[in-house]
Amino acid sequence: IIKPGELRELFFPYHSLDTGAAIERILEAK
């Protein structure tokens, strides 16, 4: 679903979110 390079790009905007919320946003964006 999400490769490391793509996930790395999301580190700064998502790393301070709750982990579940970050996953939901990734799924929503995809």
PDB file of all heavy atoms in Angstrom:
ATOM      1  N   ILE A   1       0.832  -1.207   0.000  1.00  0.00           N
ATOM      2  CA  ILE A   1       0.000   0.000   0.000  1.00  0.00           C
ATOM      3  C   ILE A   1       0.862   1.251   0.000  1.00  0.00           C
ATOM      4  O   ILE A   1       0.581   2.205  -0.727  1.00  0.00           O
ATOM      5  CB  ILE A   1      -0.966   0.008   1.210  1.00  0.00           C
ATOM      6  CG1 ILE A   1      -1.975  -1.128   1.065  1.00  0.00           C
ATOM      7  CG2 ILE A   1      -1.686   1.350   1.324  1.00  0.00           C
ATOM      8  CD1 ILE A   1      -2.826  -1.367   2.299  1.00  0.00           C
ATOM      9  N   ILE A   2       1.902   1.271   0.824  1.00  0.00           N
ATOM     10  CA  ILE A   2       2.755   2.454   0.901  1.00  0.00           C
ATOM     11  C   ILE A   2       4.211   2.047   1.080  1.00  0.00           C
ATOM     12  O   ILE A   2       4.561   1.327   2.004  1.00  0.00           O
ATOM     13  CB  ILE A   2       2.297   3.434   2.004  1.00  0.00           C
ATOM     14  CG1 ILE A   2       3.080   4.731   1.911  1.00  0.00           C
ATOM     15  CG2 ILE A   2       2.369   2.807   3.371  1.00  0.00           C
ATOM     16  CD1 ILE A   2       2.413   5.893   2.605  1.00  0.00           C
ATOM     17  N   LYS A   3       5.040   2.492   0.166  1.00  0.00           N
ATOM     18  CA  LYS A   3       6.468   2.190   0.172  1.00  0.00           C
ATOM     19  C   LYS A   3       7.212   3.175   1.071  1.00  0.00           C
ATOM     20  O   LYS A   3       6.726   4.265   1.372  1.00  0.00           O
ATOM     21  CB  LYS A   3       7.027   2.265  -1.249  1.00  0.00           C
ATOM     22  CG  LYS A   3       6.360   1.333  -2.249  1.00  0.00           C
ATOM     23  CD  LYS A   3       6.721  -0.102  -1.994  1.00  0.00           C
ATOM     24  CE  LYS A   3       6.345  -1.026  -3.110  1.00  0.00           C
ATOM     25  NZ  LYS A   3       5.047  -1.592  -3.056  1.00  0.00           N
ATOM     26  N   PRO A   4       8.413   2.820   1.505  1.00  0.00           N
ATOM     27  CA  PRO A   4       9.177   3.671   2.423  1.00  0.00           C
ATOM     28  C   PRO A   4       9.430   5.091   1.923  1.00  0.00           C
ATOM     29  O   PRO A   4       9.333   6.049   2.701  1.00  0.00           O
ATOM     30  CB  PRO A   4      10.495   2.915   2.586  1.00  0.00           C
ATOM     31  CG  PRO A   4      10.157   1.502   2.308  1.00  0.00           C
ATOM     32  CD  PRO A   4       9.082   1.546   1.271  1.00  0.00           C
ATOM     33  N   GLY A   5       9.753   5.252   0.648  1.00  0.00           N
ATOM     34  CA  GLY A   5      10.016   6.594   0.124  1.00  0.00           C
ATOM     35  C   GLY A   5       8.804   7.504   0.253  1.00  0.00           C
ATOM     36  O   GLY A   5       8.921   8.674   0.638  1.00  0.00           O
ATOM     37  N   GLU A   6       7.657   6.955  -0.045  1.00  0.00           N
ATOM     38  CA  GLU A   6       6.411   7.708   0.061  1.00  0.00           C
ATOM     39  C   GLU A   6       6.083   8.006   1.524  1.00  0.00           C
ATOM     40  O   GLU A   6       5.665   9.112   1.870  1.00  0.00           O
ATOM     41  CB  GLU A   6       5.294   6.882  -0.586  1.00  0.00           C
ATOM     42  CG  GLU A   6       4.005   7.590  -0.780  1.00  0.00           C
ATOM     43  CD  GLU A   6       2.963   6.723  -1.465  1.00  0.00           C
ATOM     44  OE1 GLU A   6       3.248   5.545  -1.804  1.00  0.00           O
ATOM     45  OE2 GLU A   6       1.850   7.229  -1.652  1.00  0.00           O
ATOM     46  N   LEU A   7       6.314   7.033   2.381  1.00  0.00           N
ATOM     47  CA  LEU A   7       6.048   7.214   3.808  1.00  0.00           C
ATOM     48  C   LEU A   7       7.012   8.235   4.411  1.00  0.00           C
ATOM     49  O   LEU A   7       6.619   9.050   5.246  1.00  0.00           O
ATOM     50  CB  LEU A   7       6.171   5.869   4.529  1.00  0.00           C
ATOM     51  CG  LEU A   7       5.639   5.768   5.949  1.00  0.00           C
ATOM     52  CD1 LEU A   7       4.175   6.202   6.008  1.00  0.00           C
ATOM     53  CD2 LEU A   7       5.779   4.347   6.452  1.00  0.00           C
ATOM     54  N   ARG A   8       8.235   8.223   3.927  1.00  0.00           N
ATOM     55  CA  ARG A   8       9.230   9.188   4.420  1.00  0.00           C
ATOM     56  C   ARG A   8       8.796  10.617   4.125  1.00  0.00           C
ATOM     57  O   ARG A   8       9.002  11.525   4.923  1.00  0.00           O
ATOM     58  CB  ARG A   8      10.582   8.902   3.786  1.00  0.00           C
ATOM     59  CG  ARG A   8      11.691   9.771   4.319  1.00  0.00           C
ATOM     60  CD  ARG A   8      12.989   9.490   3.633  1.00  0.00           C
ATOM     61  NE  ARG A   8      14.069  10.221   4.278  1.00  0.00           N
ATOM     62  CZ  ARG A   8      15.183  10.545   3.663  1.00  0.00           C
ATOM     63  NH1 ARG A   8      15.389  10.183   2.405  1.00  0.00           N
ATOM     64  NH2 ARG A   8      16.118  11.212   4.305  1.00  0.00           N
ATOM     65  N   GLU A   9       8.200  10.835   2.956  1.00  0.00           N
ATOM     66  CA  GLU A   9       7.714  12.165   2.595  1.00  0.00           C
ATOM     67  C   GLU A   9       6.602  12.638   3.529  1.00  0.00           C
ATOM     68  O   GLU A   9       6.376  13.834   3.668  1.00  0.00           O
ATOM     69  CB  GLU A   9       7.214  12.181   1.153  1.00  0.00           C
ATOM     70  CG  GLU A   9       8.318  12.035   0.126  1.00  0.00           C
ATOM     71  CD  GLU A   9       7.791  11.938  -1.298  1.00  0.00           C
ATOM     72  OE1 GLU A   9       6.576  12.178  -1.517  1.00  0.00           O
ATOM     73  OE2 GLU A   9       8.583  11.609  -2.181  1.00  0.00           O
ATOM     74  N   LEU A  10       5.910  11.706   4.160  1.00  0.00           N
ATOM     75  CA  LEU A  10       4.810  12.050   5.066  1.00  0.00           C
ATOM     76  C   LEU A  10       5.266  12.223   6.516  1.00  0.00           C
ATOM     77  O   LEU A  10       4.460  12.570   7.371  1.00  0.00           O
ATOM     78  CB  LEU A  10       3.729  10.966   4.993  1.00  0.00           C
ATOM     79  CG  LEU A  10       3.068  10.783   3.628  1.00  0.00           C
ATOM     80  CD1 LEU A  10       2.113   9.599   3.656  1.00  0.00           C
ATOM     81  CD2 LEU A  10       2.356  12.047   3.209  1.00  0.00           C
ATOM     82  N   PHE A  11       6.546  12.004   6.774  1.00  0.00           N
ATOM     83  CA  PHE A  11       7.027  12.073   8.146  1.00  0.00           C
ATOM     84  C   PHE A  11       6.740  13.431   8.787  1.00  0.00           C
ATOM     85  O   PHE A  11       6.123  13.499   9.851  1.00  0.00           O
ATOM     86  CB  PHE A  11       8.530  11.763   8.212  1.00  0.00           C
ATOM     87  CG  PHE A  11       9.108  11.972   9.584  1.00  0.00           C
ATOM     88  CD1 PHE A  11       8.815  11.092  10.614  1.00  0.00           C
ATOM     89  CD2 PHE A  11       9.931  13.058   9.852  1.00  0.00           C
ATOM     90  CE1 PHE A  11       9.338  11.284  11.891  1.00  0.00           C
ATOM     91  CE2 PHE A  11      10.456  13.256  11.119  1.00  0.00           C
ATOM     92  CZ  PHE A  11      10.166  12.365  12.135  1.00  0.00           C
ATOM     93  N   PHE A  12       7.170  14.515   8.161  1.00  0.00           N
ATOM     94  CA  PHE A  12       6.991  15.828   8.790  1.00  0.00           C
ATOM     95  C   PHE A  12       5.525  16.214   8.972  1.00  0.00           C
ATOM     96  O   PHE A  12       5.147  16.667  10.047  1.00  0.00           O
ATOM     97  CB  PHE A  12       7.778  16.905   8.051  1.00  0.00           C
ATOM     98  CG  PHE A  12       9.239  16.842   8.369  1.00  0.00           C
ATOM     99  CD1 PHE A  12      10.149  16.429   7.419  1.00  0.00           C
ATOM    100  CD2 PHE A  12       9.712  17.158   9.630  1.00  0.00           C
ATOM    101  CE1 PHE A  12      11.495  16.340   7.712  1.00  0.00           C
ATOM    102  CE2 PHE A  12      11.054  17.076   9.942  1.00  0.00           C
ATOM    103  CZ  PHE A  12      11.957  16.665   8.979  1.00  0.00           C
ATOM    104  N   PRO A  13       4.665  16.031   7.989  1.00  0.00           N
ATOM    105  CA  PRO A  13       3.273  16.413   8.244  1.00  0.00           C
ATOM    106  C   PRO A  13       2.503  15.467   9.174  1.00  0.00           C
ATOM    107  O   PRO A  13       1.557  15.878   9.830  1.00  0.00           O
ATOM    108  CB  PRO A  13       2.635  16.430   6.857  1.00  0.00           C
ATOM    109  CG  PRO A  13       3.519  15.644   5.977  1.00  0.00           C
ATOM    110  CD  PRO A  13       4.882  15.695   6.582  1.00  0.00           C
ATOM    111  N   TYR A  14       2.913  14.185   9.265  1.00  0.00           N
ATOM    112  CA  TYR A  14       2.104  13.211   9.997  1.00  0.00           C
ATOM    113  C   TYR A  14       2.730  12.687  11.286  1.00  0.00           C
ATOM    114  O   TYR A  14       2.047  12.042  12.077  1.00  0.00           O
ATOM    115  CB  TYR A  14       1.802  11.997   9.109  1.00  0.00           C
ATOM    116  CG  TYR A  14       0.819  12.254   7.992  1.00  0.00           C
ATOM    117  CD1 TYR A  14       0.275  13.505   7.744  1.00  0.00           C
ATOM    118  CD2 TYR A  14       0.430  11.220   7.155  1.00  0.00           C
ATOM    119  CE1 TYR A  14      -0.615  13.723   6.710  1.00  0.00           C
ATOM    120  CE2 TYR A  14      -0.471  11.429   6.126  1.00  0.00           C
ATOM    121  CZ  TYR A  14      -0.984  12.682   5.913  1.00  0.00           C
ATOM    122  OH  TYR A  14      -1.874  12.887   4.894  1.00  0.00           O
ATOM    123  N   HIS A  15       4.012  12.903  11.542  1.00  0.00           N
ATOM    124  CA  HIS A  15       4.651  12.237  12.680  1.00  0.00           C
ATOM    125  C   HIS A  15       4.111  12.684  14.040  1.00  0.00           C
ATOM    126  O   HIS A  15       4.204  11.945  15.008  1.00  0.00           O
ATOM    127  CB  HIS A  15       6.175  12.403  12.644  1.00  0.00           C
ATOM    128  CG  HIS A  15       6.665  13.728  13.124  1.00  0.00           C
ATOM    129  ND1 HIS A  15       6.664  14.841  12.326  1.00  0.00           N
ATOM    130  CD2 HIS A  15       7.167  14.104  14.324  1.00  0.00           C
ATOM    131  CE1 HIS A  15       7.153  15.860  13.017  1.00  0.00           C
ATOM    132  NE2 HIS A  15       7.466  15.448  14.231  1.00  0.00           N
ATOM    133  N   SER A  16       3.509  13.857  14.094  1.00  0.00           N
ATOM    134  CA  SER A  16       2.972  14.319  15.382  1.00  0.00           C
ATOM    135  C   SER A  16       1.507  13.926  15.583  1.00  0.00           C
ATOM    136  O   SER A  16       0.948  14.157  16.644  1.00  0.00           O
ATOM    137  CB  SER A  16       3.132  15.839  15.507  1.00  0.00           C
ATOM    138  OG  SER A  16       2.424  16.483  14.479  1.00  0.00           O
ATOM    139  N   LEU A  17       0.910  13.309  14.575  1.00  0.00           N
ATOM    140  CA  LEU A  17      -0.472  12.837  14.692  1.00  0.00           C
ATOM    141  C   LEU A  17      -0.526  11.515  15.460  1.00  0.00           C
ATOM    142  O   LEU A  17       0.459  10.780  15.520  1.00  0.00           O
ATOM    143  CB  LEU A  17      -1.075  12.594  13.302  1.00  0.00           C
ATOM    144  CG  LEU A  17      -1.288  13.776  12.385  1.00  0.00           C
ATOM    145  CD1 LEU A  17      -1.784  13.290  11.033  1.00  0.00           C
ATOM    146  CD2 LEU A  17      -2.274  14.753  12.984  1.00  0.00           C
ATOM    147  N   ASP A  18      -1.684  11.218  16.002  1.00  0.00           N
ATOM    148  CA  ASP A  18      -1.928   9.886  16.530  1.00  0.00           C
ATOM    149  C   ASP A  18      -1.691   8.893  15.397  1.00  0.00           C
ATOM    150  O   ASP A  18      -2.048   9.159  14.242  1.00  0.00           O
ATOM    151  CB  ASP A  18      -3.379   9.803  17.030  1.00  0.00           C
ATOM    152  CG  ASP A  18      -3.758   8.404  17.425  1.00  0.00           C
ATOM    153  OD1 ASP A  18      -3.271   7.932  18.461  1.00  0.00           O
ATOM    154  OD2 ASP A  18      -4.545   7.784  16.665  1.00  0.00           O
ATOM    155  N   THR A  19      -1.070   7.763  15.703  1.00  0.00           N
ATOM    156  CA  THR A  19      -0.708   6.800  14.662  1.00  0.00           C
ATOM    157  C   THR A  19      -1.928   6.339  13.867  1.00  0.00           C
ATOM    158  O   THR A  19      -1.880   6.246  12.642  1.00  0.00           O
ATOM    159  CB  THR A  19       0.014   5.590  15.276  1.00  0.00           C
ATOM    160  OG1 THR A  19       1.067   6.072  16.123  1.00  0.00           O
ATOM    161  CG2 THR A  19       0.600   4.706  14.208  1.00  0.00           C
ATOM    162  N   GLY A  20      -3.022   6.059  14.545  1.00  0.00           N
ATOM    163  CA  GLY A  20      -4.251   5.645  13.854  1.00  0.00           C
ATOM    164  C   GLY A  20      -4.763   6.722  12.913  1.00  0.00           C
ATOM    165  O   GLY A  20      -5.201   6.435  11.799  1.00  0.00           O
ATOM    166  N   ALA A  21      -4.692   7.983  13.345  1.00  0.00           N
ATOM    167  CA  ALA A  21      -5.134   9.098  12.496  1.00  0.00           C
ATOM    168  C   ALA A  21      -4.231   9.241  11.278  1.00  0.00           C
ATOM    169  O   ALA A  21      -4.709   9.524  10.169  1.00  0.00           O
ATOM    170  CB  ALA A  21      -5.148  10.396  13.299  1.00  0.00           C
ATOM    171  N   ALA A  22      -2.931   9.041  11.455  1.00  0.00           N
ATOM    172  CA  ALA A  22      -2.001   9.119  10.322  1.00  0.00           C
ATOM    173  C   ALA A  22      -2.330   8.046   9.285  1.00  0.00           C
ATOM    174  O   ALA A  22      -2.350   8.326   8.080  1.00  0.00           O
ATOM    175  CB  ALA A  22      -0.563   8.972  10.813  1.00  0.00           C
ATOM    176  N   ILE A  23      -2.612   6.842   9.753  1.00  0.00           N
ATOM    177  CA  ILE A  23      -2.960   5.750   8.837  1.00  0.00           C
ATOM    178  C   ILE A  23      -4.257   6.073   8.096  1.00  0.00           C
ATOM    179  O   ILE A  23      -4.361   5.871   6.886  1.00  0.00           O
ATOM    180  CB  ILE A  23      -3.067   4.410   9.596  1.00  0.00           C
ATOM    181  CG1 ILE A  23      -1.694   4.004  10.131  1.00  0.00           C
ATOM    182  CG2 ILE A  23      -3.661   3.318   8.711  1.00  0.00           C
ATOM    183  CD1 ILE A  23      -1.722   2.884  11.150  1.00  0.00           C
ATOM    184  N   GLU A  24      -5.246   6.570   8.824  1.00  0.00           N
ATOM    185  CA  GLU A  24      -6.514   6.936   8.186  1.00  0.00           C
ATOM    186  C   GLU A  24      -6.306   8.004   7.114  1.00  0.00           C
ATOM    187  O   GLU A  24      -6.909   7.944   6.044  1.00  0.00           O
ATOM    188  CB  GLU A  24      -7.507   7.418   9.234  1.00  0.00           C
ATOM    189  CG  GLU A  24      -8.038   6.297  10.110  1.00  0.00           C
ATOM    190  CD  GLU A  24      -8.902   6.787  11.269  1.00  0.00           C
ATOM    191  OE1 GLU A  24      -9.245   7.992  11.307  1.00  0.00           O
ATOM    192  OE2 GLU A  24      -9.228   5.963  12.135  1.00  0.00           O
ATOM    193  N   ARG A  25      -5.455   8.973   7.378  1.00  0.00           N
ATOM    194  CA  ARG A  25      -5.177  10.015   6.378  1.00  0.00           C
ATOM    195  C   ARG A  25      -4.471   9.441   5.158  1.00  0.00           C
ATOM    196  O   ARG A  25      -4.736   9.850   4.030  1.00  0.00           O
ATOM    197  CB  ARG A  25      -4.341  11.136   6.983  1.00  0.00           C
ATOM    198  CG  ARG A  25      -5.149  12.010   7.899  1.00  0.00           C
ATOM    199  CD  ARG A  25      -4.417  13.255   8.245  1.00  0.00           C
ATOM    200  NE  ARG A  25      -5.243  14.078   9.110  1.00  0.00           N
ATOM    201  CZ  ARG A  25      -4.893  15.272   9.521  1.00  0.00           C
ATOM    202  NH1 ARG A  25      -3.748  15.791   9.139  1.00  0.00           N
ATOM    203  NH2 ARG A  25      -5.683  15.958  10.301  1.00  0.00           N
ATOM    204  N   ILE A  26      -3.563   8.517   5.382  1.00  0.00           N
ATOM    205  CA  ILE A  26      -2.876   7.882   4.256  1.00  0.00           C
ATOM    206  C   ILE A  26      -3.883   7.121   3.398  1.00  0.00           C
ATOM    207  O   ILE A  26      -3.892   7.238   2.170  1.00  0.00           O
ATOM    208  CB  ILE A  26      -1.756   6.942   4.755  1.00  0.00           C
ATOM    209  CG1 ILE A  26      -0.623   7.759   5.382  1.00  0.00           C
ATOM    210  CG2 ILE A  26      -1.226   6.078   3.615  1.00  0.00           C
ATOM    211  CD1 ILE A  26       0.379   6.930   6.171  1.00  0.00           C
ATOM    212  N   LEU A  27      -4.740   6.340   4.049  1.00  0.00           N
ATOM    213  CA  LEU A  27      -5.755   5.583   3.306  1.00  0.00           C
ATOM    214  C   LEU A  27      -6.701   6.523   2.559  1.00  0.00           C
ATOM    215  O   LEU A  27      -7.072   6.264   1.413  1.00  0.00           O
ATOM    216  CB  LEU A  27      -6.541   4.685   4.260  1.00  0.00           C
ATOM    217  CG  LEU A  27      -5.783   3.477   4.812  1.00  0.00           C
ATOM    218  CD1 LEU A  27      -6.578   2.811   5.928  1.00  0.00           C
ATOM    219  CD2 LEU A  27      -5.466   2.486   3.709  1.00  0.00           C
ATOM    220  N   GLU A  28      -7.081   7.615   3.212  1.00  0.00           N
ATOM    221  CA  GLU A  28      -7.967   8.591   2.587  1.00  0.00           C
ATOM    222  C   GLU A  28      -7.294   9.237   1.373  1.00  0.00           C
ATOM    223  O   GLU A  28      -7.915   9.378   0.322  1.00  0.00           O
ATOM    224  CB  GLU A  28      -8.327   9.659   3.614  1.00  0.00           C
ATOM    225  CG  GLU A  28      -9.321  10.692   3.115  1.00  0.00           C
ATOM    226  CD  GLU A  28      -9.643  11.703   4.204  1.00  0.00           C
ATOM    227  OE1 GLU A  28      -9.992  11.285   5.327  1.00  0.00           O
ATOM    228  OE2 GLU A  28      -9.529  12.908   3.921  1.00  0.00           O
ATOM    229  N   ALA A  29      -6.021   9.596   1.501  1.00  0.00           N
ATOM    230  CA  ALA A  29      -5.290  10.219   0.398  1.00  0.00           C
ATOM    231  C   ALA A  29      -5.141   9.255  -0.772  1.00  0.00           C
ATOM    232  O   ALA A  29      -5.127   9.673  -1.934  1.00  0.00           O
ATOM    233  CB  ALA A  29      -3.916  10.684   0.869  1.00  0.00           C
ATOM    234  N   LYS A  30      -5.048   7.970  -0.489  1.00  0.00           N
ATOM    235  CA  LYS A  30      -4.933   6.962  -1.535  1.00  0.00           C
ATOM    236  C   LYS A  30      -6.303   6.477  -2.012  1.00  0.00           C
ATOM    237  O   LYS A  30      -6.383   5.582  -2.843  1.00  0.00           O
ATOM    238  CB  LYS A  30      -4.095   5.781  -1.041  1.00  0.00           C
ATOM    239  CG  LYS A  30      -2.641   6.141  -0.849  1.00  0.00           C
ATOM    240  CD  LYS A  30      -1.874   4.931  -0.413  1.00  0.00           C
ATOM    241  CE  LYS A  30      -0.423   5.082  -0.691  1.00  0.00           C
ATOM    242  NZ  LYS A  30      -0.037   5.056  -2.078  1.00  0.00           N
TER     243      LYS A  30
END
